[in-house]
Structures are given as structure tokens and as C-alpha cells.
Amino acid sequence: MCGLFAIFAAPEHRLPDDASERVNRALAVIRHRGPDAAGVYVDPERRWAVGHVRLSVIDVAASSNQPFWSSCGKHLVVFNGEIYNYLELRADLEREGVQFRTRSDTEVLLQSLIRWGPDCIRRFNGMWSFVYGDTRTGRFLICRDRWGVKPLYTTTHDGMFAVCSEAKGLFAFTGQVPPPDQASIGQFLKYSVGGESPSAWFQGVQRFPKGMFWQFDLRALNASQPTPWPYWCYPQ
């Protein structure tokens, strides 16, 4: 188990001046998810920021800490989960000439996205939520596993779109706790519907949909209307 946080500003907005402090606050409240290491990166132009707390399982070396960057320094990923077939994917990538500097599934995830693009998600066997970024183009991708095993919550705030492994990380960044969502709480109390519902238990907080990804360009980001696409559907 790890924890991730990411936030993106719409083109006409910027992250707050104290964005780094706010991201660290968000990570502090989810630190139980990843007690072994923590990392934060804030874009110098304050268009986006990411953070991660790590529970070291595969390749416990510090070289696998996150945010995890490509050797060229242009691609990054923050990742919670495990890619079970990462060794097979690594072998395929090595046959295509990719060189690895760690033994982690995180680097395999990153190199798969760089080499194969979003289509590689269909090749993954595992459980995950992750945020991938290409800083050259300003394109980012958010994804959650087929069954929604790994949590990922979203919200919008002052022209920004944020995701976090737990809702309280979002509140730590904004400094505000929204009112309870009585409809989703009622669903849980009456029907035991919890993680299956897109609405979380707070107004304005959603669960990123399972089995979907959202790729977007920061230059055209509409923070209030994310449009995830399915990469997998339950067989009929």
C-alpha cells in the first residue's frame, strides 16, 4: 500500500504560492499508507504538483522512491499498487531496447507508458491507481485498476483538479472539509453501497471510476469536467 496526491491547475489558474507546503500536508495525513519514504514535486510554473508516500515492497532501494522520473527527466509517475506481470512486461521492453536502472514494477509501469502509450494499460495484470506525466508535452494520464481495488478520490477547488488516495488528503490541501453527502451516506446505510458508488461521502468529492483512464493536456484542462474513458469492461 502506498499513497499518492496530484493537483493540476486549469490554464487560467495557478497553484497557490504555498503549494509545496499544502502537498506535504496532504501527504502527512496519508503517511500511514507509506511510512518508508515520501517525495514531492511542484512544477516551477505552479501548473501542477505531485506527491507520494511509499510502502517499499518491490525493490526497496531508495532509487525506486517516487515521484519516479525517467532517466531523461521528462516523464514521471506516482503509483499505488502492484503490476503482477511486471517481469514479463520488463522482458518485452528489454527486447525493444529499453534499459532499466531499478528492479521495480514502478519503472516498468513508467517505461510501458513511455514506449507503448495508453494502450499498454490493457496489458497490465494487477491493482493500481497512478498518475503519469509527460512534462515535454504537458500531457498527463490518470488511471485506476479494473476492479477499483486501489482507491482514488477526486475534487475540484478554485480552478484546480486534485486526486488523492484518501479524501482527507484533498481536505488537507484545500484547508476545507466539505459538508457530508447525505445521498451517498444514505445509500451505504440502506443498501451497503460504498465503493461501488461514484459519489464519496462528502459533497464535491468523487471516486475516480474503476476500469478507466483520463488523458488530458494541461493547456486545455477543464478542471470541472474530467472525461475518463474505459479501457476494460466486464465480459458479457
Protein backbone atom coordinates (compact mmCIF):
# COMPACT_ATOMS: atom_id res chain seq x y z
CA MET A 1 0.00 0.00 0.00
CA CYS A 2 1.23 3.48 -0.93
CA GLY A 3 -0.43 6.86 -1.23
CA LEU A 4 -0.43 9.44 -4.00
CA PHE A 5 -1.54 13.01 -4.46
CA ALA A 6 -1.66 15.14 -7.61
CA ILE A 7 -3.16 18.51 -8.47
CA PHE A 8 -3.50 20.36 -11.76
CA ALA A 9 -4.44 23.96 -12.48
CA ALA A 10 -6.65 24.98 -15.39
CA PRO A 11 -4.89 27.22 -17.96
CA GLU A 12 -6.15 30.49 -16.46
CA HIS A 13 -5.15 29.47 -12.91
CA ARG A 14 -2.02 28.60 -10.95
CA LEU A 15 -1.40 26.58 -7.81
CA PRO A 16 -1.17 28.62 -4.59
CA ASP A 17 2.17 30.12 -3.60
CA ASP A 18 2.35 27.65 -0.72
CA ALA A 19 1.61 24.64 -2.93
CA SER A 20 4.62 22.67 -1.68
CA GLU A 21 3.55 23.11 1.93
CA ARG A 22 -0.01 22.11 1.05
CA VAL A 23 1.08 18.95 -0.78
CA ASN A 24 3.20 17.99 2.22
CA ARG A 25 0.15 18.48 4.44
CA ALA A 26 -1.83 16.17 2.17
CA LEU A 27 0.87 13.52 2.37
CA ALA A 28 1.15 13.88 6.14
CA VAL A 29 -2.45 12.77 6.68
CA ILE A 30 -1.99 9.67 4.49
CA ARG A 31 1.51 8.83 5.71
CA HIS A 32 0.22 5.60 7.28
CA ARG A 33 -0.14 4.31 3.71
CA GLY A 34 3.57 4.69 3.03
CA PRO A 35 5.87 5.06 6.03
CA ASP A 36 9.10 4.21 4.22
CA ALA A 37 9.65 7.26 2.01
CA ALA A 38 7.95 10.42 0.79
CA GLY A 39 8.51 12.76 -2.13
CA VAL A 40 7.01 15.94 -3.58
CA TYR A 41 7.49 17.79 -6.85
CA VAL A 42 5.92 21.15 -7.67
CA ASP A 43 6.11 22.47 -11.21
CA PRO A 44 8.18 25.71 -11.18
CA GLU A 45 5.36 27.47 -13.05
CA ARG A 46 2.86 26.15 -10.47
CA ARG A 47 0.71 24.44 -13.10
CA TRP A 48 0.78 21.06 -11.35
CA ALA A 49 2.26 19.15 -8.43
CA VAL A 50 2.56 15.53 -7.32
CA GLY A 51 3.41 13.76 -4.10
CA HIS A 52 3.85 10.19 -2.91
CA VAL A 53 4.29 8.19 0.29
CA ARG A 54 5.84 4.76 -0.18
CA LEU A 55 5.48 1.37 1.40
CA SER A 56 8.53 -0.42 -0.01
CA VAL A 57 7.70 -3.91 -1.27
CA ILE A 58 9.29 -4.49 -4.70
CA ASP A 59 12.87 -3.18 -4.94
CA VAL A 60 13.11 -1.46 -1.58
CA ALA A 61 16.09 0.66 -2.66
CA ALA A 62 15.80 4.44 -2.47
CA SER A 63 16.32 4.57 -6.25
CA SER A 64 12.72 3.35 -6.61
CA ASN A 65 11.20 6.12 -4.47
CA GLN A 66 8.56 8.31 -6.03
CA PRO A 67 7.76 10.55 -7.80
CA PHE A 68 9.68 8.29 -10.15
CA TRP A 69 11.34 10.03 -13.10
CA SER A 70 12.65 8.67 -16.38
CA SER A 71 16.40 8.90 -16.97
CA CYS A 72 15.82 11.80 -19.35
CA GLY A 73 13.97 13.72 -16.65
CA LYS A 74 10.92 14.37 -18.83
CA HIS A 75 8.48 11.67 -17.70
CA LEU A 76 7.25 10.83 -14.23
CA VAL A 77 4.79 8.62 -12.39
CA VAL A 78 3.28 8.36 -8.92
CA PHE A 79 1.83 4.92 -8.36
CA ASN A 80 -0.06 2.98 -5.71
CA GLY A 81 -0.43 -0.76 -6.27
CA GLU A 82 1.38 -3.63 -7.92
CA ILE A 83 1.74 -4.79 -11.52
CA TYR A 84 1.79 -8.55 -11.09
CA ASN A 85 3.14 -9.30 -14.57
CA TYR A 86 5.86 -6.65 -14.47
CA LEU A 87 8.64 -9.17 -15.10
CA GLU A 88 7.03 -10.30 -18.36
CA LEU A 89 6.46 -6.69 -19.41
CA ARG A 90 10.03 -5.81 -18.49
CA ALA A 91 11.31 -8.63 -20.70
CA ASP A 92 9.22 -7.33 -23.62
CA LEU A 93 10.56 -3.80 -23.10
CA GLU A 94 14.15 -5.01 -22.89
CA ARG A 95 13.71 -6.81 -26.20
CA GLU A 96 12.75 -3.41 -27.63
CA GLY A 97 15.95 -1.87 -26.29
CA VAL A 98 14.72 -0.29 -23.06
CA GLN A 99 17.36 -0.23 -20.32
CA PHE A 100 16.36 -0.30 -16.65
CA ARG A 101 18.12 1.15 -13.64
CA THR A 102 15.93 -0.43 -10.91
CA ARG A 103 14.16 -3.73 -10.27
CA SER A 104 10.82 -2.09 -9.53
CA ASP A 105 7.42 -2.53 -11.14
CA THR A 106 7.15 1.28 -10.95
CA GLU A 107 9.86 1.70 -13.58
CA VAL A 108 8.22 -0.97 -15.75
CA LEU A 109 4.94 0.95 -15.49
CA LEU A 110 6.63 4.20 -16.48
CA GLN A 111 8.58 2.70 -19.38
CA SER A 112 5.45 0.92 -20.65
CA LEU A 113 3.60 4.23 -20.80
CA ILE A 114 6.52 5.97 -22.50
CA ARG A 115 7.08 3.21 -25.04
CA TRP A 116 3.55 1.99 -25.75
CA GLY A 117 1.25 4.82 -24.70
CA PRO A 118 -2.17 4.35 -23.06
CA ASP A 119 -2.77 1.07 -24.93
CA CYS A 120 -0.32 -0.59 -22.54
CA ILE A 121 -2.87 -0.36 -19.71
CA ARG A 122 -4.73 -3.31 -21.21
CA ARG A 123 -1.57 -5.39 -20.78
CA PHE A 124 -1.34 -4.80 -17.05
CA ASN A 125 -2.35 -7.52 -14.63
CA GLY A 126 -2.63 -6.13 -11.14
CA MET A 127 -4.18 -3.47 -8.96
CA TRP A 128 -3.30 0.18 -9.24
CA SER A 129 -4.02 3.84 -9.26
CA PHE A 130 -1.44 6.10 -10.87
CA VAL A 131 -0.75 9.49 -12.37
CA TYR A 132 1.67 9.68 -15.30
CA GLY A 133 3.03 12.86 -16.82
CA ASP A 134 4.99 13.84 -19.93
CA THR A 135 6.45 17.20 -18.97
CA ARG A 136 7.61 17.91 -22.52
CA THR A 137 4.09 17.99 -23.90
CA GLY A 138 2.15 18.83 -20.74
CA ARG A 139 0.04 15.69 -21.16
CA PHE A 140 -0.99 13.68 -18.12
CA LEU A 141 -2.83 10.40 -17.60
CA ILE A 142 -4.76 9.21 -14.54
CA CYS A 143 -5.84 5.57 -14.25
CA ARG A 144 -7.43 3.11 -11.83
CA ASP A 145 -7.47 -0.69 -11.96
CA ARG A 146 -10.26 -2.80 -13.44
CA TRP A 147 -11.96 -3.63 -10.13
CA GLY A 148 -11.24 -0.44 -8.23
CA VAL A 149 -9.13 -2.25 -5.65
CA LYS A 150 -6.90 0.78 -5.18
CA PRO A 151 -8.78 3.89 -4.04
CA LEU A 152 -8.58 7.24 -5.76
CA TYR A 153 -10.63 10.30 -4.86
CA THR A 154 -11.07 13.48 -6.88
CA THR A 155 -12.28 17.02 -6.29
CA THR A 156 -12.16 20.48 -7.85
CA HIS A 157 -11.17 23.65 -6.00
CA ASP A 158 -10.53 27.19 -7.23
CA GLY A 159 -9.86 26.15 -10.82
CA MET A 160 -7.80 23.12 -9.82
CA PHE A 161 -8.42 19.38 -10.18
CA ALA A 162 -6.94 17.12 -7.50
CA VAL A 163 -6.67 13.38 -6.89
CA CYS A 164 -5.60 11.53 -3.76
CA SER A 165 -5.59 8.01 -2.38
CA GLU A 166 -7.77 9.20 0.51
CA ALA A 167 -10.31 12.01 0.64
CA LYS A 168 -8.72 13.57 3.71
CA GLY A 169 -5.61 14.32 1.69
CA LEU A 170 -7.74 16.54 -0.55
CA PHE A 171 -9.09 18.36 2.51
CA ALA A 172 -5.59 18.85 3.89
CA PHE A 173 -4.55 20.58 0.66
CA THR A 174 -7.60 22.86 0.39
CA GLY A 175 -7.87 23.51 4.11
CA GLN A 176 -11.61 22.85 3.92
CA VAL A 177 -13.81 19.90 4.82
CA PRO A 178 -16.95 19.93 2.63
CA PRO A 179 -20.39 19.09 4.01
CA PRO A 180 -21.41 15.43 4.09
CA ASP A 181 -23.10 13.96 1.00
CA GLN A 182 -26.31 12.70 2.56
CA ALA A 183 -27.39 10.80 -0.56
CA SER A 184 -24.25 8.64 -0.75
CA ILE A 185 -24.22 8.12 3.02
CA GLY A 186 -27.87 7.07 2.83
CA GLN A 187 -27.06 4.59 0.07
CA PHE A 188 -24.46 2.99 2.28
CA LEU A 189 -26.68 2.84 5.35
CA LYS A 190 -29.67 1.46 3.45
CA TYR A 191 -28.07 -0.76 0.79
CA SER A 192 -24.43 -1.15 1.93
CA VAL A 193 -23.35 0.57 -1.31
CA GLY A 194 -19.91 2.03 -0.69
CA GLY A 195 -17.00 1.92 -3.13
CA GLU A 196 -19.35 0.97 -5.96
CA SER A 197 -20.83 4.47 -5.95
CA PRO A 198 -19.09 7.29 -7.86
CA SER A 199 -20.04 9.74 -5.11
CA ALA A 200 -17.99 9.71 -1.95
CA TRP A 201 -19.35 10.75 1.43
CA PHE A 202 -18.57 14.45 1.00
CA GLN A 203 -20.11 16.96 -1.36
CA GLY A 204 -17.92 17.59 -4.37
CA VAL A 205 -15.75 14.52 -3.80
CA GLN A 206 -15.92 11.67 -6.32
CA ARG A 207 -14.28 8.29 -6.69
CA PHE A 208 -12.24 8.05 -9.88
CA PRO A 209 -14.07 5.36 -11.88
CA LYS A 210 -12.61 1.88 -11.91
CA GLY A 211 -11.51 0.39 -15.22
CA MET A 212 -10.97 3.84 -16.73
CA PHE A 213 -8.26 6.33 -17.59
CA TRP A 214 -8.26 10.04 -18.30
CA GLN A 215 -5.62 11.61 -20.53
CA PHE A 216 -5.56 15.38 -20.78
CA ASP A 217 -3.47 18.32 -21.92
CA LEU A 218 -2.79 20.97 -19.30
CA ARG A 219 -3.22 23.67 -21.93
CA ALA A 220 -6.83 22.62 -22.43
CA LEU A 221 -7.69 21.31 -18.98
CA ASN A 222 -11.30 21.81 -17.89
CA ALA A 223 -10.92 21.14 -14.19
CA SER A 224 -14.65 20.83 -13.62
CA GLN A 225 -15.36 18.21 -16.30
CA PRO A 226 -12.96 15.24 -16.37
CA THR A 227 -13.87 12.76 -19.09
CA PRO A 228 -12.43 9.31 -18.29
CA TRP A 229 -12.52 6.58 -20.93
CA PRO A 230 -12.97 2.85 -20.27
CA TYR A 231 -10.06 0.57 -21.16
CA TRP A 232 -11.88 -2.55 -19.93
CA CYS A 233 -15.43 -3.73 -19.42
CA TYR A 234 -16.68 -6.79 -17.58
CA PRO A 235 -17.21 -9.57 -20.17
CA GLN A 236 -20.87 -10.01 -21.10
